[in-house]
Amino acid sequence: MSELMLNVNSINTYYGNVHALKDISLKINRGSLISIIGANGAGKSTFLKTIIGLLHPKTGKIEFKQKDITNLSAHQIVKCGVSLVPEGRQLFGPLSVVDNLRLGTYKFTKRERKKKFETNIQKIYKLFPVLEERLHQKAKTLSGGEQQMVTIGRSLMSDPELLLLDEPSLGLAPLFVKDVFDTLKKLKQQGLTIVLVEQNAKMALRISDYVFVLDTGKIILDGPPVKLANNDKLKEAYLGGK
């Protein structure tokens, strides 16, 4: 029987008076790759921000490995084993690649940090060999695809058990888009649990175990990719066909 990693129960999240997430419930098992797709403004990024603690739901409950994290701070949730790859990369441009990666180890104690950095950066080299060549280059001088590698690498430096990704393919050239999705497949094979928010619905469906479709803050469809790929509504709205 699969182990339940994330349990989201009837959460309602607001931006001021705007009801952004409406009674969202879902369960995610360890080792699975779940995609959340939908149009701009559907609530996808809000959902990730609510899980990571940048926003807090007004009602409802979020459990990670059976622990209630609903009202914990983002820092506390990262310490629990959750990490977010934010939309737009959000690197520190003037800092080197290695310094941006080093920031991913901040959740560890001062005593642990050096050892964790040395161990985890070897994993990043294996995943993204080009970054070893770029270690001392300023992040702002990298290509968009290379910057996204650094962003994903920074999140992985914290040893997450659950990785959240917000539009990782946004603004990338097609070759780098393929690289990002190939990376996610590798991470899944290594046992990492992944929640992917993505507008590239075709690519998301290809690599996911299960898909949720958000519209105006509500889950309107969910199911395995094969089922959703044959849904006429989804085809018309997100897959470029009828």
C-alpha atoms as a PDB file:
ATOM      1  CA  MET A   1       0.000   0.000   0.000  1.00  0.00           C
ATOM      2  CA  SER A   2       1.334   3.445  -0.955  1.00  0.00           C
ATOM      3  CA  GLU A   3       2.340   5.820   1.827  1.00  0.00           C
ATOM      4  CA  LEU A   4       0.346   9.047   1.966  1.00  0.00           C
ATOM      5  CA  MET A   5       2.737  12.002   1.936  1.00  0.00           C
ATOM      6  CA  LEU A   6       0.532  15.075   1.486  1.00  0.00           C
ATOM      7  CA  ASN A   7      -3.080  15.336   2.554  1.00  0.00           C
ATOM      8  CA  VAL A   8      -4.894  18.561   1.649  1.00  0.00           C
ATOM      9  CA  ASN A   9      -8.373  18.726   3.163  1.00  0.00           C
ATOM     10  CA  SER A  10     -10.920  21.375   2.120  1.00  0.00           C
ATOM     11  CA  ILE A  11      -8.593  24.383   2.087  1.00  0.00           C
ATOM     12  CA  ASN A  12      -9.869  27.874   1.317  1.00  0.00           C
ATOM     13  CA  THR A  13      -7.250  30.548   0.661  1.00  0.00           C
ATOM     14  CA  TYR A  14      -7.893  34.267   0.210  1.00  0.00           C
ATOM     15  CA  TYR A  15      -5.999  37.277  -1.118  1.00  0.00           C
ATOM     16  CA  GLY A  16      -7.708  39.965   0.944  1.00  0.00           C
ATOM     17  CA  ASN A  17     -11.367  39.569   0.041  1.00  0.00           C
ATOM     18  CA  VAL A  18     -10.633  37.501  -3.090  1.00  0.00           C
ATOM     19  CA  HIS A  19     -11.452  33.814  -2.617  1.00  0.00           C
ATOM     20  CA  ALA A  20      -8.501  32.269  -4.505  1.00  0.00           C
ATOM     21  CA  LEU A  21      -8.761  28.569  -3.562  1.00  0.00           C
ATOM     22  CA  LYS A  22     -12.201  27.091  -2.989  1.00  0.00           C
ATOM     23  CA  ASP A  23     -12.536  23.933  -0.930  1.00  0.00           C
ATOM     24  CA  ILE A  24      -9.509  22.174  -2.457  1.00  0.00           C
ATOM     25  CA  SER A  25      -8.905  18.573  -1.357  1.00  0.00           C
ATOM     26  CA  LEU A  26      -6.318  16.129  -2.698  1.00  0.00           C
ATOM     27  CA  LYS A  27      -3.992  13.355  -1.572  1.00  0.00           C
ATOM     28  CA  ILE A  28      -0.473  12.664  -2.846  1.00  0.00           C
ATOM     29  CA  ASN A  29       1.387   9.403  -2.253  1.00  0.00           C
ATOM     30  CA  ARG A  30       5.136   9.097  -1.727  1.00  0.00           C
ATOM     31  CA  GLY A  31       7.110   8.700  -4.955  1.00  0.00           C
ATOM     32  CA  SER A  32       4.383  10.008  -7.249  1.00  0.00           C
ATOM     33  CA  LEU A  33       4.530  12.868  -9.733  1.00  0.00           C
ATOM     34  CA  ILE A  34       1.356  14.948  -9.685  1.00  0.00           C
ATOM     35  CA  SER A  35       0.617  17.767 -12.122  1.00  0.00           C
ATOM     36  CA  ILE A  36      -1.737  20.681 -11.618  1.00  0.00           C
ATOM     37  CA  ILE A  37      -2.770  22.385 -14.833  1.00  0.00           C
ATOM     38  CA  GLY A  38      -5.090  25.261 -15.666  1.00  0.00           C
ATOM     39  CA  ALA A  39      -5.286  28.694 -17.224  1.00  0.00           C
ATOM     40  CA  ASN A  40      -3.635  31.842 -15.852  1.00  0.00           C
ATOM     41  CA  GLY A  41      -5.416  32.939 -12.698  1.00  0.00           C
ATOM     42  CA  ALA A  42      -6.796  29.466 -11.977  1.00  0.00           C
ATOM     43  CA  GLY A  43      -5.096  29.313  -8.570  1.00  0.00           C
ATOM     44  CA  LYS A  44      -2.170  27.018  -9.377  1.00  0.00           C
ATOM     45  CA  SER A  45       0.592  29.189  -7.895  1.00  0.00           C
ATOM     46  CA  THR A  46      -1.649  30.078  -4.952  1.00  0.00           C
ATOM     47  CA  PHE A  47      -1.987  26.380  -4.213  1.00  0.00           C
ATOM     48  CA  LEU A  48       1.797  25.888  -4.073  1.00  0.00           C
ATOM     49  CA  LYS A  49       2.267  29.017  -1.942  1.00  0.00           C
ATOM     50  CA  THR A  50      -0.347  27.686   0.464  1.00  0.00           C
ATOM     51  CA  ILE A  51       1.413  24.311   0.752  1.00  0.00           C
ATOM     52  CA  ILE A  52       4.830  25.899   1.384  1.00  0.00           C
ATOM     53  CA  GLY A  53       3.479  28.388   3.944  1.00  0.00           C
ATOM     54  CA  LEU A  54       3.837  31.650   2.027  1.00  0.00           C
ATOM     55  CA  LEU A  55       0.046  31.885   2.304  1.00  0.00           C
ATOM     56  CA  HIS A  56      -2.188  30.297   4.931  1.00  0.00           C
ATOM     57  CA  PRO A  57      -5.671  28.927   4.293  1.00  0.00           C
ATOM     58  CA  LYS A  58      -8.558  30.576   6.103  1.00  0.00           C
ATOM     59  CA  THR A  59     -10.133  27.153   6.617  1.00  0.00           C
ATOM     60  CA  GLY A  60      -9.080  23.572   5.987  1.00  0.00           C
ATOM     61  CA  LYS A  61      -6.062  21.470   6.883  1.00  0.00           C
ATOM     62  CA  ILE A  62      -2.743  20.464   5.284  1.00  0.00           C
ATOM     63  CA  GLU A  63      -0.846  17.425   6.561  1.00  0.00           C
ATOM     64  CA  PHE A  64       2.651  16.421   5.465  1.00  0.00           C
ATOM     65  CA  LYS A  65       3.622  12.895   6.558  1.00  0.00           C
ATOM     66  CA  GLN A  66       0.679  12.998   9.003  1.00  0.00           C
ATOM     67  CA  LYS A  67       1.946  16.219  10.611  1.00  0.00           C
ATOM     68  CA  ASP A  68      -0.300  19.281  10.571  1.00  0.00           C
ATOM     69  CA  ILE A  69       1.629  22.025   8.711  1.00  0.00           C
ATOM     70  CA  THR A  70      -1.366  24.262   7.980  1.00  0.00           C
ATOM     71  CA  ASN A  71      -0.166  27.269   9.944  1.00  0.00           C
ATOM     72  CA  LEU A  72       3.586  26.699   9.983  1.00  0.00           C
ATOM     73  CA  SER A  73       5.925  29.292   8.469  1.00  0.00           C
ATOM     74  CA  ALA A  74       7.660  28.614   5.144  1.00  0.00           C
ATOM     75  CA  HIS A  75      10.952  28.155   7.012  1.00  0.00           C
ATOM     76  CA  GLN A  76       9.417  25.515   9.284  1.00  0.00           C
ATOM     77  CA  ILE A  77       7.829  23.687   6.339  1.00  0.00           C
ATOM     78  CA  VAL A  78      11.139  23.570   4.461  1.00  0.00           C
ATOM     79  CA  LYS A  79      12.672  22.037   7.592  1.00  0.00           C
ATOM     80  CA  CYS A  80       9.955  19.372   7.488  1.00  0.00           C
ATOM     81  CA  GLY A  81      11.144  18.312   4.019  1.00  0.00           C
ATOM     82  CA  VAL A  82       9.212  20.396   1.473  1.00  0.00           C
ATOM     83  CA  SER A  83      10.916  22.670  -1.066  1.00  0.00           C
ATOM     84  CA  LEU A  84       9.602  25.070  -3.730  1.00  0.00           C
ATOM     85  CA  VAL A  85      11.097  25.866  -7.128  1.00  0.00           C
ATOM     86  CA  PRO A  86       9.496  29.296  -7.632  1.00  0.00           C
ATOM     87  CA  GLU A  87       8.127  30.733 -10.847  1.00  0.00           C
ATOM     88  CA  GLY A  88      10.561  33.123 -12.519  1.00  0.00           C
ATOM     89  CA  ARG A  89      13.614  31.402 -10.995  1.00  0.00           C
ATOM     90  CA  GLN A  90      14.289  34.180  -8.409  1.00  0.00           C
ATOM     91  CA  LEU A  91      18.044  33.689  -8.283  1.00  0.00           C
ATOM     92  CA  PHE A  92      20.479  36.161  -6.761  1.00  0.00           C
ATOM     93  CA  GLY A  93      21.933  37.387 -10.052  1.00  0.00           C
ATOM     94  CA  PRO A  94      25.150  39.036  -8.760  1.00  0.00           C
ATOM     95  CA  LEU A  95      26.045  35.895  -6.766  1.00  0.00           C
ATOM     96  CA  SER A  96      27.905  32.960  -8.264  1.00  0.00           C
ATOM     97  CA  VAL A  97      26.242  29.671  -9.139  1.00  0.00           C
ATOM     98  CA  VAL A  98      27.905  27.984  -6.154  1.00  0.00           C
ATOM     99  CA  ASP A  99      26.699  30.684  -3.730  1.00  0.00           C
ATOM    100  CA  ASN A 100      23.129  30.369  -5.042  1.00  0.00           C
ATOM    101  CA  LEU A 101      23.323  26.607  -4.529  1.00  0.00           C
ATOM    102  CA  ARG A 102      24.806  27.063  -1.062  1.00  0.00           C
ATOM    103  CA  LEU A 103      21.701  29.022  -0.038  1.00  0.00           C
ATOM    104  CA  GLY A 104      19.705  25.807  -0.427  1.00  0.00           C
ATOM    105  CA  THR A 105      21.418  24.361   2.647  1.00  0.00           C
ATOM    106  CA  TYR A 106      20.247  27.117   5.008  1.00  0.00           C
ATOM    107  CA  LYS A 107      17.748  24.819   6.757  1.00  0.00           C
ATOM    108  CA  PHE A 108      20.564  22.747   8.242  1.00  0.00           C
ATOM    109  CA  THR A 109      22.425  23.634  11.423  1.00  0.00           C
ATOM    110  CA  LYS A 110      25.776  25.378  11.104  1.00  0.00           C
ATOM    111  CA  ARG A 111      27.495  22.114  12.044  1.00  0.00           C
ATOM    112  CA  GLU A 112      25.600  20.103   9.390  1.00  0.00           C
ATOM    113  CA  ARG A 113      25.815  22.672   6.615  1.00  0.00           C
ATOM    114  CA  LYS A 114      29.339  22.047   5.297  1.00  0.00           C
ATOM    115  CA  LYS A 115      28.931  18.274   5.093  1.00  0.00           C
ATOM    116  CA  LYS A 116      25.471  18.554   3.503  1.00  0.00           C
ATOM    117  CA  PHE A 117      26.788  21.044   0.949  1.00  0.00           C
ATOM    118  CA  GLU A 118      29.684  18.796  -0.046  1.00  0.00           C
ATOM    119  CA  THR A 119      27.439  15.734  -0.366  1.00  0.00           C
ATOM    120  CA  ASN A 120      24.503  17.376  -2.105  1.00  0.00           C
ATOM    121  CA  ILE A 121      26.479  19.397  -4.613  1.00  0.00           C
ATOM    122  CA  GLN A 122      27.869  16.136  -6.010  1.00  0.00           C
ATOM    123  CA  LYS A 123      24.280  15.075  -6.702  1.00  0.00           C
ATOM    124  CA  ILE A 124      23.656  18.382  -8.486  1.00  0.00           C
ATOM    125  CA  TYR A 125      26.757  17.831 -10.684  1.00  0.00           C
ATOM    126  CA  LYS A 126      25.374  14.434 -11.728  1.00  0.00           C
ATOM    127  CA  LEU A 127      21.980  15.898 -12.508  1.00  0.00           C
ATOM    128  CA  PHE A 128      23.298  19.058 -14.223  1.00  0.00           C
ATOM    129  CA  PRO A 129      26.928  18.481 -15.328  1.00  0.00           C
ATOM    130  CA  VAL A 130      27.136  21.928 -16.950  1.00  0.00           C
ATOM    131  CA  LEU A 131      26.807  23.623 -13.553  1.00  0.00           C
ATOM    132  CA  GLU A 132      30.140  22.210 -12.402  1.00  0.00           C
ATOM    133  CA  GLU A 133      31.734  24.186 -15.230  1.00  0.00           C
ATOM    134  CA  ARG A 134      29.771  27.325 -14.290  1.00  0.00           C
ATOM    135  CA  LEU A 135      30.246  27.223 -10.502  1.00  0.00           C
ATOM    136  CA  HIS A 136      31.995  30.565 -10.179  1.00  0.00           C
ATOM    137  CA  GLN A 137      30.037  32.338 -12.904  1.00  0.00           C
ATOM    138  CA  LYS A 138      27.493  34.956 -11.836  1.00  0.00           C
ATOM    139  CA  ALA A 139      23.976  33.559 -12.032  1.00  0.00           C
ATOM    140  CA  LYS A 140      22.716  36.526 -14.074  1.00  0.00           C
ATOM    141  CA  THR A 141      25.151  35.673 -16.909  1.00  0.00           C
ATOM    142  CA  LEU A 142      23.689  32.182 -17.456  1.00  0.00           C
ATOM    143  CA  SER A 143      21.151  31.272 -20.105  1.00  0.00           C
ATOM    144  CA  GLY A 144      17.516  30.860 -19.037  1.00  0.00           C
ATOM    145  CA  GLY A 145      17.830  27.080 -19.109  1.00  0.00           C
ATOM    146  CA  GLU A 146      20.991  27.114 -17.017  1.00  0.00           C
ATOM    147  CA  GLN A 147      19.374  29.472 -14.509  1.00  0.00           C
ATOM    148  CA  GLN A 148      16.490  27.043 -14.171  1.00  0.00           C
ATOM    149  CA  MET A 149      18.990  24.263 -13.453  1.00  0.00           C
ATOM    150  CA  VAL A 150      20.437  26.396 -10.637  1.00  0.00           C
ATOM    151  CA  THR A 151      16.959  27.080  -9.259  1.00  0.00           C
ATOM    152  CA  ILE A 152      16.047  23.397  -9.206  1.00  0.00           C
ATOM    153  CA  GLY A 153      19.485  22.562  -7.818  1.00  0.00           C
ATOM    154  CA  ARG A 154      19.097  25.114  -5.012  1.00  0.00           C
ATOM    155  CA  SER A 155      15.841  23.471  -3.929  1.00  0.00           C
ATOM    156  CA  LEU A 156      17.380  19.999  -4.066  1.00  0.00           C
ATOM    157  CA  MET A 157      20.262  21.122  -1.838  1.00  0.00           C
ATOM    158  CA  SER A 158      17.806  21.086   1.086  1.00  0.00           C
ATOM    159  CA  ASP A 159      17.226  17.302   0.739  1.00  0.00           C
ATOM    160  CA  PRO A 160      13.456  17.624   0.167  1.00  0.00           C
ATOM    161  CA  GLU A 161      11.092  14.678   0.283  1.00  0.00           C
ATOM    162  CA  LEU A 162       8.445  16.727  -1.547  1.00  0.00           C
ATOM    163  CA  LEU A 163       9.457  19.056  -4.393  1.00  0.00           C
ATOM    164  CA  LEU A 164       6.998  21.710  -5.590  1.00  0.00           C
ATOM    165  CA  LEU A 165       7.656  23.324  -8.982  1.00  0.00           C
ATOM    166  CA  ASP A 166       5.890  26.432 -10.246  1.00  0.00           C
ATOM    167  CA  GLU A 167       5.970  26.711 -14.075  1.00  0.00           C
ATOM    168  CA  PRO A 168       9.548  25.397 -14.506  1.00  0.00           C
ATOM    169  CA  SER A 169       9.361  25.465 -18.331  1.00  0.00           C
ATOM    170  CA  LEU A 170       8.067  29.048 -18.558  1.00  0.00           C
ATOM    171  CA  GLY A 171      10.092  31.199 -20.965  1.00  0.00           C
ATOM    172  CA  LEU A 172      12.544  28.445 -21.890  1.00  0.00           C
ATOM    173  CA  ALA A 173      13.646  27.388 -25.377  1.00  0.00           C
ATOM    174  CA  PRO A 174      12.155  24.016 -26.481  1.00  0.00           C
ATOM    175  CA  LEU A 175      15.441  22.166 -25.927  1.00  0.00           C
ATOM    176  CA  PHE A 176      15.630  23.360 -22.313  1.00  0.00           C
ATOM    177  CA  VAL A 177      11.945  22.523 -21.797  1.00  0.00           C
ATOM    178  CA  LYS A 178      12.751  18.921 -22.738  1.00  0.00           C
ATOM    179  CA  ASP A 179      15.734  18.974 -20.344  1.00  0.00           C
ATOM    180  CA  VAL A 180      13.532  20.168 -17.473  1.00  0.00           C
ATOM    181  CA  PHE A 181      10.983  17.392 -18.004  1.00  0.00           C
ATOM    182  CA  ASP A 182      13.729  14.778 -18.418  1.00  0.00           C
ATOM    183  CA  THR A 183      15.168  15.972 -15.090  1.00  0.00           C
ATOM    184  CA  LEU A 184      11.806  15.577 -13.378  1.00  0.00           C
ATOM    185  CA  LYS A 185      11.526  12.015 -14.696  1.00  0.00           C
ATOM    186  CA  LYS A 186      14.984  11.224 -13.279  1.00  0.00           C
ATOM    187  CA  LEU A 187      14.078  12.697  -9.888  1.00  0.00           C
ATOM    188  CA  LYS A 188      10.895  10.646  -9.790  1.00  0.00           C
ATOM    189  CA  GLN A 189      12.885   7.504 -10.615  1.00  0.00           C
ATOM    190  CA  GLN A 190      15.107   8.339  -7.634  1.00  0.00           C
ATOM    191  CA  GLY A 191      12.013   8.273  -5.401  1.00  0.00           C
ATOM    192  CA  LEU A 192      11.329  11.989  -4.990  1.00  0.00           C
ATOM    193  CA  THR A 193       7.679  13.040  -4.666  1.00  0.00           C
ATOM    194  CA  ILE A 194       6.863  15.900  -7.041  1.00  0.00           C
ATOM    195  CA  VAL A 195       4.011  18.366  -7.474  1.00  0.00           C
ATOM    196  CA  LEU A 196       4.286  20.180 -10.787  1.00  0.00           C
ATOM    197  CA  VAL A 197       2.332  23.300 -11.711  1.00  0.00           C
ATOM    198  CA  GLU A 198       2.613  23.700 -15.448  1.00  0.00           C
ATOM    199  CA  GLN A 199       0.896  25.442 -18.371  1.00  0.00           C
ATOM    200  CA  ASN A 200       2.501  23.058 -20.859  1.00  0.00           C
ATOM    201  CA  ALA A 201      -0.298  20.535 -20.395  1.00  0.00           C
ATOM    202  CA  LYS A 202       0.894  18.130 -23.080  1.00  0.00           C
ATOM    203  CA  MET A 203       4.301  17.695 -21.468  1.00  0.00           C
ATOM    204  CA  ALA A 204       2.804  17.519 -17.973  1.00  0.00           C
ATOM    205  CA  LEU A 205       0.431  14.723 -18.984  1.00  0.00           C
ATOM    206  CA  ARG A 206       3.318  12.706 -20.458  1.00  0.00           C
ATOM    207  CA  ILE A 207       5.268  12.437 -17.209  1.00  0.00           C
ATOM    208  CA  SER A 208       2.547  12.508 -14.520  1.00  0.00           C
ATOM    209  CA  ASP A 209       0.957   9.721 -12.517  1.00  0.00           C
ATOM    210  CA  TYR A 210      -2.132  11.817 -11.815  1.00  0.00           C
ATOM    211  CA  VAL A 211      -3.414  15.225 -12.902  1.00  0.00           C
ATOM    212  CA  PHE A 212      -5.654  17.859 -11.333  1.00  0.00           C
ATOM    213  CA  VAL A 213      -7.241  20.612 -13.427  1.00  0.00           C
ATOM    214  CA  LEU A 214      -7.894  23.903 -11.642  1.00  0.00           C
ATOM    215  CA  ASP A 215     -10.313  26.569 -12.833  1.00  0.00           C
ATOM    216  CA  THR A 216     -11.118  29.733 -10.857  1.00  0.00           C
ATOM    217  CA  GLY A 217      -9.841  28.181  -7.662  1.00  0.00           C
ATOM    218  CA  LYS A 218     -11.697  24.868  -7.930  1.00  0.00           C
ATOM    219  CA  ILE A 219     -10.685  21.381  -9.030  1.00  0.00           C
ATOM    220  CA  ILE A 220     -12.931  20.749 -12.037  1.00  0.00           C
ATOM    221  CA  LEU A 221     -11.316  17.543 -13.317  1.00  0.00           C
ATOM    222  CA  ASP A 222      -8.868  14.983 -12.013  1.00  0.00           C
ATOM    223  CA  GLY A 223      -7.625  11.576 -13.006  1.00  0.00           C
ATOM    224  CA  PRO A 224      -4.770   9.619 -14.567  1.00  0.00           C
ATOM    225  CA  PRO A 225      -3.240  11.232 -17.687  1.00  0.00           C
ATOM    226  CA  VAL A 226      -4.681   8.660 -20.098  1.00  0.00           C
ATOM    227  CA  LYS A 227      -8.195   9.443 -18.914  1.00  0.00           C
ATOM    228  CA  LEU A 228      -7.769  13.214 -19.063  1.00  0.00           C
ATOM    229  CA  ALA A 229      -6.007  13.181 -22.441  1.00  0.00           C
ATOM    230  CA  ASN A 230      -9.227  11.797 -23.914  1.00  0.00           C
ATOM    231  CA  ASN A 231     -11.468  14.359 -22.242  1.00  0.00           C
ATOM    232  CA  ASP A 232     -12.986  16.641 -24.887  1.00  0.00           C
ATOM    233  CA  LYS A 233     -13.181  19.657 -22.557  1.00  0.00           C
ATOM    234  CA  LEU A 234      -9.529  19.334 -21.621  1.00  0.00           C
ATOM    235  CA  LYS A 235      -8.449  18.810 -25.229  1.00  0.00           C
ATOM    236  CA  GLU A 236     -10.197  21.968 -26.333  1.00  0.00           C
ATOM    237  CA  ALA A 237      -9.008  24.134 -23.446  1.00  0.00           C
ATOM    238  CA  TYR A 238      -5.436  22.983 -22.895  1.00  0.00           C
ATOM    239  CA  LEU A 239      -4.256  20.517 -25.540  1.00  0.00           C
ATOM    240  CA  GLY A 240      -4.988  22.458 -28.710  1.00  0.00           C
ATOM    241  CA  GLY A 241      -7.633  20.125 -30.089  1.00  0.00           C
ATOM    242  CA  LYS A 242     -11.287  19.186 -30.001  1.00  0.00           C
END
